[in-house]
Amino acid sequence: MTSSPTPVHLRQMRRANLRSLLLALVAAPGSRADLAARTGLTKATVATLTEPLLRQRILLETEPQSTGPGRPSRPLRFHPEAPVAVGAEINVTHLAATVRTLDGSTVAHRRTEIDNRTRDAENIVTDTADLIRTVLPDNARLLGIGLAVPGTVHDATVTRAPNVPGLTGIRVADHLSTLLQTAETLLDNEANLAAFAHLWPGPAATPDFAYISGDVGVGSGLVLGHELFRGATGFAGELGHVVIDRDGRPCNCGGRGCVEQYAGLSTILATAGHPTVDTLITALADNAPRARTAVSDAGAALGIALSSLLNLVDVATIILGGSYARLAEHLEPAIRTELHTRVLSSRHRHITVTPSPIDPDAAAIGAAGLITHRACHQPERLEHFPD
C-alpha cells in the first residue's frame, strides 16, 4: 500500500515545480501551455502556480496573441513592478551600481570614478550606499543587494584586499545593509561575480572557462561545468598572485614576482608612458613602439601565468574582462604565443581567447545576478514576498 505524500513532501514538490516555472520565464515569456511544454508540468499545475504570482505583481499576463487555430493565448512575463536586485561593485578606481530585474533586464545603472586605494572602509561603504540610493527607483521592491569587492572573501569578511587595504578585515556587506536598512546583502570577489555574469541569467556559450579581469589588479573567476568554482574556502582564482619570477618585483601582497606586477594596468600604463587606457589605445592605433612593447610584454607575462592555470584546470576558453577587454586585440598575440608553447593541451585542441561581451561592469551585473539567481532557485523567497 502506497502512503500519501506528507505536507513536507508536497511543499518540496511545489517549490521544485515553481523553480522550474521561474527558470523557464527567465529564459523567455510564454503562455501557460508553452510553459507547461517547456517545463514538463501539467497546464493545471502551471495555472495553480501562476495565480498567486499574478496577485503579487511578480508576473503579468499580457495581451492575447493568436498563434494559430483556437483560442488566443495570453503570454506571461515578469511584472514591471516585480521585485528587483541591486548589484554594486567597489573597485580600486571606481564604484558602480546597477538595478536588474528577475530576468536580467537593466532598470538603472551608474558608475563613478574614484580612487579607493587609500580610503577607509567607512567612507567607501558610505559612498557605495549613496550611489545605490541614486539608482534604486522610488517604491522599488528590493530582493537584496549583491556586492563585489577587489579582494578575497571568507565568512562574509574581506580577508585580503591588497589594492584597497581599507577593506581588509571588514564585514562590508553587513555595514552596507545597516546603512540601507536591507535584510540581505551578499558579498563575493569581483572577478568571481564578473564570471558569474557570463553564466546567469543566460547560459554561457561554453561550460568551462576562465574569466580574467585586468585593472589595477589581476583577478580571475573559474567556471567548471557551468558552475562557479570558488575552492574550499573561496580563495580560488587569485591569478594576479601567481608567481612568474621568484626573484622578481615586490608585490603589495608581500610576495615577489606576481604576474600582477608585470601585467596589471598600472604597470602597462607606466611602461607605455600613458595616463589612461584611452590614450594608450590611441597610441596603439598609431603603432607607437613604446605602447606596443608595453602591451606585448604584459600579454606575455599574462600568458605565462595563464599557462600554469590551464595546465592545472584544463579549460579551453579565456575571457578577457576589465581593461583587458579593451586591449584584447593587442594582448592576444603575445598571450597565444605563450599558451601555444606552454599549455600541454594546446597541441590537441584550440584555446579560445576572447574579450568579454558584457564588460565594463560585469562585476556589478554578476552581483545583482547573485540575488536574482537565489530568488529563482529558492522560490520561497518570492512566494512570501510582500506585494
Protein backbone atom coordinates (compact mmCIF):
# COMPACT_ATOMS: atom_id res chain seq x y z
CA MET A 1 0.00 0.00 0.00
CA THR A 2 1.42 3.39 -1.01
CA SER A 3 1.26 6.14 1.59
CA SER A 4 0.08 9.64 0.67
CA PRO A 5 2.67 12.41 0.33
CA THR A 6 3.31 14.27 3.56
CA PRO A 7 2.78 18.04 3.74
CA VAL A 8 6.56 18.49 3.77
CA HIS A 9 6.92 16.49 0.56
CA LEU A 10 4.08 18.43 -1.04
CA ARG A 11 5.79 21.72 -0.19
CA GLN A 12 9.07 20.46 -1.60
CA MET A 13 7.32 19.34 -4.78
CA ARG A 14 5.56 22.69 -5.14
CA ARG A 15 8.81 24.58 -4.74
CA ALA A 16 10.56 22.37 -7.27
CA ASN A 17 7.75 23.00 -9.73
CA LEU A 18 7.81 26.73 -9.04
CA ARG A 19 11.57 26.77 -9.57
CA SER A 20 11.13 25.13 -12.97
CA LEU A 21 8.46 27.67 -13.89
CA LEU A 22 10.54 30.69 -12.84
CA LEU A 23 13.62 29.44 -14.70
CA ALA A 24 11.51 28.95 -17.82
CA LEU A 25 10.24 32.54 -17.53
CA VAL A 26 13.79 33.83 -17.06
CA ALA A 27 14.64 32.16 -20.37
CA ALA A 28 11.61 33.64 -22.18
CA PRO A 29 7.99 34.72 -21.62
CA GLY A 30 5.33 32.21 -22.59
CA SER A 31 1.71 31.20 -22.40
CA ARG A 32 0.58 28.68 -19.81
CA ALA A 33 0.53 25.99 -22.49
CA ASP A 34 4.02 26.94 -23.69
CA LEU A 35 5.37 26.96 -20.14
CA ALA A 36 3.80 23.56 -19.48
CA ALA A 37 5.50 22.19 -22.59
CA ARG A 38 8.89 23.68 -21.66
CA THR A 39 8.84 22.54 -18.03
CA GLY A 40 7.08 19.20 -18.33
CA LEU A 41 4.42 20.36 -15.86
CA THR A 42 0.72 19.99 -16.50
CA LYS A 43 -1.28 23.01 -17.62
CA ALA A 44 -3.28 22.78 -14.40
CA THR A 45 -0.10 22.89 -12.29
CA VAL A 46 1.19 25.90 -14.23
CA ALA A 47 -2.14 27.68 -13.71
CA THR A 48 -2.08 26.93 -9.97
CA LEU A 49 1.49 28.18 -9.59
CA THR A 50 1.00 31.37 -11.56
CA GLU A 51 -2.16 32.67 -9.88
CA PRO A 52 -0.50 33.84 -6.62
CA LEU A 53 2.42 35.30 -8.60
CA LEU A 54 -0.03 37.37 -10.63
CA ARG A 55 -1.67 38.66 -7.45
CA GLN A 56 1.73 39.57 -6.01
CA ARG A 57 2.70 41.54 -9.13
CA ILE A 58 5.58 39.19 -9.78
CA LEU A 59 4.08 38.02 -13.06
CA LEU A 60 1.97 39.88 -15.61
CA GLU A 61 -0.47 38.46 -18.12
CA THR A 62 -0.04 40.27 -21.44
CA GLU A 63 -2.47 40.90 -24.29
CA PRO A 64 -3.89 37.85 -26.12
CA GLN A 65 -1.83 36.60 -29.04
CA SER A 66 -3.12 34.39 -31.81
CA THR A 67 -0.63 31.67 -32.75
CA GLY A 68 -2.95 29.55 -34.88
CA PRO A 69 -6.37 27.91 -34.70
CA GLY A 70 -8.16 28.03 -31.36
CA ARG A 71 -8.37 30.46 -28.52
CA PRO A 72 -5.64 33.19 -28.45
CA SER A 73 -3.06 32.67 -25.71
CA ARG A 74 -2.12 35.24 -23.06
CA PRO A 75 1.67 35.13 -22.53
CA LEU A 76 3.07 35.54 -19.05
CA ARG A 77 6.17 37.55 -18.23
CA PHE A 78 7.71 39.21 -15.21
CA HIS A 79 5.74 42.21 -13.99
CA PRO A 80 7.34 45.68 -14.44
CA GLU A 81 6.77 46.17 -10.69
CA ALA A 82 8.23 42.79 -9.71
CA PRO A 83 10.98 42.79 -7.07
CA VAL A 84 14.42 43.87 -8.29
CA ALA A 85 18.01 43.23 -7.26
CA VAL A 86 20.85 45.70 -6.82
CA GLY A 87 24.39 44.82 -7.80
CA ALA A 88 27.19 47.05 -6.54
CA GLU A 89 30.92 46.99 -7.08
CA ILE A 90 33.71 48.51 -5.02
CA ASN A 91 36.68 48.63 -7.37
CA VAL A 92 40.15 50.05 -6.90
CA THR A 93 39.38 53.12 -9.02
CA HIS A 94 35.59 53.26 -9.23
CA LEU A 95 32.22 52.43 -7.69
CA ALA A 96 29.31 51.04 -9.70
CA ALA A 97 25.69 50.13 -9.02
CA THR A 98 23.06 48.51 -11.21
CA VAL A 99 19.41 47.57 -10.73
CA ARG A 100 18.30 44.39 -12.50
CA THR A 101 15.02 42.54 -12.92
CA LEU A 102 14.49 38.83 -12.29
CA ASP A 103 15.12 38.06 -15.96
CA GLY A 104 18.27 40.19 -16.12
CA SER A 105 16.98 43.39 -17.72
CA THR A 106 18.65 46.62 -16.60
CA VAL A 107 16.42 49.12 -14.79
CA ALA A 108 19.15 51.65 -13.93
CA HIS A 109 22.93 51.83 -13.82
CA ARG A 110 25.53 54.27 -12.62
CA ARG A 111 29.30 54.32 -12.26
CA THR A 112 31.52 56.92 -10.61
CA GLU A 113 35.30 57.15 -10.89
CA ILE A 114 37.02 57.40 -7.51
CA ASP A 115 40.40 56.17 -6.25
CA ASN A 116 39.77 53.89 -3.27
CA ARG A 117 43.36 52.78 -2.66
CA THR A 118 43.97 54.93 0.42
CA ARG A 119 40.40 55.38 1.65
CA ASP A 120 38.95 53.75 4.75
CA ALA A 121 36.05 51.32 4.72
CA GLU A 122 33.63 53.75 6.36
CA ASN A 123 33.92 56.31 3.55
CA ILE A 124 33.95 53.69 0.78
CA VAL A 125 30.81 51.93 2.02
CA THR A 126 29.01 55.22 2.69
CA ASP A 127 29.68 56.34 -0.89
CA THR A 128 28.52 52.95 -2.17
CA ALA A 129 25.28 53.28 -0.22
CA ASP A 130 24.73 56.78 -1.61
CA LEU A 131 25.30 55.50 -5.15
CA ILE A 132 22.76 52.72 -4.64
CA ARG A 133 20.19 55.24 -3.40
CA THR A 134 20.60 57.23 -6.62
CA VAL A 135 19.92 54.24 -8.91
CA LEU A 136 17.19 52.46 -6.95
CA PRO A 137 13.79 53.69 -8.18
CA ASP A 138 11.32 55.09 -5.65
CA ASN A 139 8.96 52.41 -4.32
CA ALA A 140 11.07 49.62 -5.81
CA ARG A 141 10.59 46.26 -4.12
CA LEU A 142 14.11 45.18 -3.25
CA LEU A 143 15.04 41.49 -3.21
CA GLY A 144 18.52 42.17 -1.90
CA ILE A 145 21.94 43.55 -2.74
CA GLY A 146 24.95 41.77 -4.17
CA LEU A 147 28.33 43.40 -3.52
CA ALA A 148 31.57 42.80 -5.43
CA VAL A 149 34.91 43.66 -3.81
CA PRO A 150 38.52 43.55 -5.08
CA GLY A 151 39.77 41.02 -2.57
CA THR A 152 39.33 37.56 -1.11
CA VAL A 153 36.17 36.86 0.87
CA HIS A 154 35.57 34.28 3.59
CA ASP A 155 32.69 34.05 6.04
CA ALA A 156 31.23 37.38 4.81
CA THR A 157 34.52 39.15 5.62
CA VAL A 158 37.04 40.70 3.24
CA THR A 159 40.11 38.77 4.32
CA ARG A 160 42.60 40.40 1.99
CA ALA A 161 42.38 43.37 -0.36
CA PRO A 162 45.96 44.39 -1.27
CA ASN A 163 44.87 47.20 -3.58
CA VAL A 164 42.16 48.58 -1.26
CA PRO A 165 43.62 47.74 2.16
CA GLY A 166 40.95 49.74 3.99
CA LEU A 167 38.50 46.89 3.30
CA THR A 168 40.67 44.17 4.84
CA GLY A 169 39.09 42.53 7.89
CA ILE A 170 35.79 44.35 7.39
CA ARG A 171 32.31 42.79 7.10
CA VAL A 172 31.48 45.19 4.30
CA ALA A 173 28.12 43.66 3.41
CA ASP A 174 26.85 43.97 6.99
CA HIS A 175 27.86 47.61 7.08
CA LEU A 176 26.11 48.29 3.77
CA SER A 177 22.94 46.52 4.95
CA THR A 178 22.88 48.68 8.06
CA LEU A 179 23.22 51.90 6.08
CA LEU A 180 20.48 50.93 3.62
CA GLN A 181 18.31 49.05 6.14
CA THR A 182 18.11 45.97 3.91
CA ALA A 183 17.72 42.42 5.13
CA GLU A 184 20.20 40.76 2.81
CA THR A 185 23.49 41.74 1.20
CA LEU A 186 25.64 39.01 -0.34
CA LEU A 187 29.40 39.53 -0.72
CA ASP A 188 31.89 38.00 -3.15
CA ASN A 189 35.09 38.69 -5.05
CA GLU A 190 34.70 40.95 -8.09
CA ALA A 191 36.27 38.52 -10.57
CA ASN A 192 34.03 35.68 -9.35
CA LEU A 193 30.96 37.83 -9.84
CA ALA A 194 32.10 39.06 -13.25
CA ALA A 195 32.50 35.42 -14.29
CA PHE A 196 29.04 34.69 -12.86
CA ALA A 197 27.58 37.43 -15.06
CA HIS A 198 28.51 35.23 -18.04
CA LEU A 199 26.52 32.32 -16.54
CA TRP A 200 23.30 33.95 -15.37
CA PRO A 201 20.64 34.65 -16.48
CA GLY A 202 21.70 33.34 -19.90
CA PRO A 203 23.73 30.13 -20.16
CA ALA A 204 27.38 30.54 -21.10
CA ALA A 205 28.44 29.52 -24.60
CA THR A 206 30.87 27.03 -23.07
CA PRO A 207 30.64 25.04 -19.80
CA ASP A 208 34.26 25.67 -18.78
CA PHE A 209 36.16 28.94 -18.93
CA ALA A 210 38.41 31.31 -17.03
CA TYR A 211 37.38 34.96 -16.78
CA ILE A 212 40.40 37.24 -16.35
CA SER A 213 39.88 40.80 -15.12
CA GLY A 214 42.59 43.36 -15.65
CA ASP A 215 42.60 46.73 -13.96
CA VAL A 216 44.93 47.87 -11.19
CA GLY A 217 45.00 44.24 -10.05
CA VAL A 218 44.60 40.99 -11.95
CA GLY A 219 41.81 38.65 -10.91
CA SER A 220 40.11 35.60 -12.29
CA GLY A 221 36.93 33.61 -11.91
CA LEU A 222 36.87 29.92 -12.81
CA VAL A 223 33.78 28.25 -14.26
CA LEU A 224 33.79 24.46 -14.45
CA GLY A 225 30.77 22.54 -15.67
CA HIS A 226 28.60 25.69 -15.78
CA GLU A 227 29.34 26.28 -12.07
CA LEU A 228 31.48 28.97 -10.47
CA PHE A 229 34.43 27.30 -8.73
CA ARG A 230 35.41 29.07 -5.51
CA GLY A 231 37.65 26.43 -3.94
CA ALA A 232 37.49 25.05 -0.41
CA THR A 233 37.44 28.43 1.32
CA GLY A 234 36.55 30.82 -1.51
CA PHE A 235 40.09 31.81 -2.44
CA ALA A 236 40.28 30.08 -5.85
CA GLY A 237 41.15 32.20 -8.87
CA GLU A 238 43.77 34.57 -7.47
CA LEU A 239 45.65 34.62 -10.76
CA GLY A 240 47.24 38.02 -10.05
CA HIS A 241 49.41 36.43 -7.39
CA VAL A 242 50.67 33.53 -9.47
CA VAL A 243 54.45 33.89 -9.42
CA ILE A 244 56.17 34.12 -12.80
CA ASP A 245 59.58 35.23 -11.45
CA ARG A 246 60.53 34.01 -7.95
CA ASP A 247 63.10 36.80 -7.52
CA GLY A 248 61.08 39.40 -9.37
CA ARG A 249 59.39 42.65 -8.48
CA PRO A 250 57.94 43.06 -4.99
CA CYS A 251 54.15 42.84 -4.81
CA ASN A 252 51.84 44.55 -2.34
CA CYS A 253 50.63 41.09 -1.28
CA GLY A 254 54.03 40.62 0.39
CA GLY A 255 55.45 38.27 -2.24
CA ARG A 256 57.67 38.80 -5.26
CA GLY A 257 57.31 38.19 -8.96
CA CYS A 258 53.49 38.06 -9.04
CA VAL A 259 52.05 38.43 -12.54
CA GLU A 260 50.07 41.47 -11.36
CA GLN A 261 53.35 43.39 -11.19
CA TYR A 262 54.02 42.67 -14.87
CA ALA A 263 50.54 42.66 -16.42
CA GLY A 264 48.47 44.91 -14.17
CA LEU A 265 47.05 48.06 -15.72
CA SER A 266 49.24 50.39 -13.64
CA THR A 267 52.36 48.65 -14.95
CA ILE A 268 51.12 48.70 -18.54
CA LEU A 269 50.32 52.42 -18.44
CA ALA A 270 53.56 53.36 -16.69
CA THR A 271 55.66 51.31 -19.10
CA ALA A 272 53.80 52.70 -22.11
CA GLY A 273 54.07 56.28 -20.79
CA HIS A 274 50.32 56.95 -20.91
CA PRO A 275 47.97 58.19 -18.16
CA THR A 276 44.80 56.38 -19.28
CA VAL A 277 43.60 53.40 -21.28
CA ASP A 278 42.04 55.80 -23.79
CA THR A 279 45.34 57.47 -24.63
CA LEU A 280 47.07 54.09 -24.70
CA ILE A 281 44.53 52.76 -27.22
CA THR A 282 45.10 55.83 -29.39
CA ALA A 283 48.85 55.22 -29.28
CA LEU A 284 48.36 51.55 -30.17
CA ALA A 285 46.20 52.56 -33.13
CA ASP A 286 49.08 54.79 -34.25
CA ASN A 287 51.53 51.87 -33.86
CA ALA A 288 53.59 53.73 -31.24
CA PRO A 289 56.55 51.40 -30.48
CA ARG A 290 56.64 52.06 -26.73
CA ALA A 291 52.91 51.40 -26.32
CA ARG A 292 53.03 48.24 -28.41
CA THR A 293 56.02 46.87 -26.49
CA ALA A 294 54.37 47.59 -23.12
CA VAL A 295 51.18 45.75 -24.05
CA SER A 296 53.04 42.88 -25.73
CA ASP A 297 55.23 42.37 -22.64
CA ALA A 298 52.13 42.39 -20.41
CA GLY A 299 50.46 39.86 -22.71
CA ALA A 300 53.50 37.58 -22.49
CA ALA A 301 53.53 37.77 -18.68
CA LEU A 302 49.81 37.08 -18.57
CA GLY A 303 50.24 34.19 -20.99
CA ILE A 304 52.83 32.58 -18.72
CA ALA A 305 50.50 32.76 -15.71
CA LEU A 306 47.54 31.53 -17.75
CA SER A 307 49.60 28.58 -18.99
CA SER A 308 50.01 27.39 -15.41
CA LEU A 309 46.29 27.84 -14.81
CA LEU A 310 45.28 25.93 -17.94
CA ASN A 311 47.71 23.10 -17.25
CA LEU A 312 46.05 22.69 -13.84
CA VAL A 313 42.35 23.02 -14.67
CA ASP A 314 42.31 22.20 -18.41
CA VAL A 315 39.83 24.79 -19.68
CA ALA A 316 39.92 25.85 -23.32
CA THR A 317 38.37 29.33 -23.17
CA ILE A 318 39.83 32.53 -21.73
CA ILE A 319 37.53 35.57 -21.42
CA LEU A 320 39.34 38.88 -21.01
CA GLY A 321 37.49 41.45 -18.91
CA GLY A 322 38.01 44.89 -17.42
CA SER A 323 40.70 46.87 -19.24
CA TYR A 324 41.93 43.65 -20.82
CA ALA A 325 38.72 43.54 -22.86
CA ARG A 326 39.55 46.92 -24.38
CA LEU A 327 43.15 45.91 -25.05
CA ALA A 328 42.32 42.37 -26.15
CA GLU A 329 43.37 42.59 -29.80
CA HIS A 330 46.80 43.88 -28.74
CA LEU A 331 47.27 41.46 -25.82
CA GLU A 332 46.11 38.32 -27.62
CA PRO A 333 49.11 37.65 -29.91
CA ALA A 334 51.58 37.50 -27.01
CA ILE A 335 49.13 35.55 -24.83
CA ARG A 336 48.57 33.00 -27.59
CA THR A 337 52.30 32.57 -28.19
CA GLU A 338 52.87 31.63 -24.55
CA LEU A 339 49.81 29.37 -24.42
CA HIS A 340 50.86 27.53 -27.56
CA THR A 341 54.35 26.99 -26.16
CA ARG A 342 53.49 26.11 -22.57
CA VAL A 343 50.00 24.56 -22.40
CA LEU A 344 50.13 20.80 -22.94
CA SER A 345 46.61 20.54 -24.36
CA SER A 346 47.29 23.23 -26.99
CA ARG A 347 48.70 20.56 -29.27
CA HIS A 348 45.40 18.71 -29.24
CA ARG A 349 42.73 21.43 -29.19
CA HIS A 350 42.22 25.09 -29.91
CA ILE A 351 42.35 27.54 -26.98
CA THR A 352 39.97 30.47 -27.37
CA VAL A 353 40.98 33.91 -26.10
CA THR A 354 38.17 36.44 -26.41
CA PRO A 355 37.08 39.78 -24.90
CA SER A 356 34.08 39.80 -22.59
CA PRO A 357 30.84 40.76 -24.37
CA ILE A 358 29.36 42.37 -21.23
CA ASP A 359 32.12 44.49 -19.72
CA PRO A 360 32.93 47.06 -18.33
CA ASP A 361 30.65 46.49 -15.32
CA ALA A 362 30.32 42.72 -15.35
CA ALA A 363 31.07 42.52 -11.62
CA ALA A 364 28.09 44.69 -10.67
CA ILE A 365 25.87 42.78 -13.10
CA GLY A 366 27.03 39.48 -11.60
CA ALA A 367 26.44 40.82 -8.10
CA ALA A 368 22.80 41.56 -8.96
CA GLY A 369 22.61 38.15 -10.60
CA LEU A 370 23.66 36.54 -7.34
CA ILE A 371 20.42 37.84 -5.81
CA THR A 372 18.07 37.01 -8.71
CA HIS A 373 19.61 33.56 -9.12
CA ARG A 374 18.99 32.85 -5.46
CA ALA A 375 15.40 34.05 -5.69
CA CYS A 376 14.61 31.85 -8.68
CA HIS A 377 16.32 28.77 -7.25
CA GLN A 378 14.81 29.29 -3.79
CA PRO A 379 11.30 30.35 -4.83
CA GLU A 380 10.02 30.50 -1.25
CA ARG A 381 11.75 33.90 -1.19
CA LEU A 382 9.28 35.08 -3.79
CA GLU A 383 6.26 33.16 -2.51
CA HIS A 384 6.19 35.20 0.66
CA PHE A 385 7.47 38.47 -0.76
CA PRO A 386 5.24 41.40 0.29
CA ASP A 387 3.08 42.79 -2.52
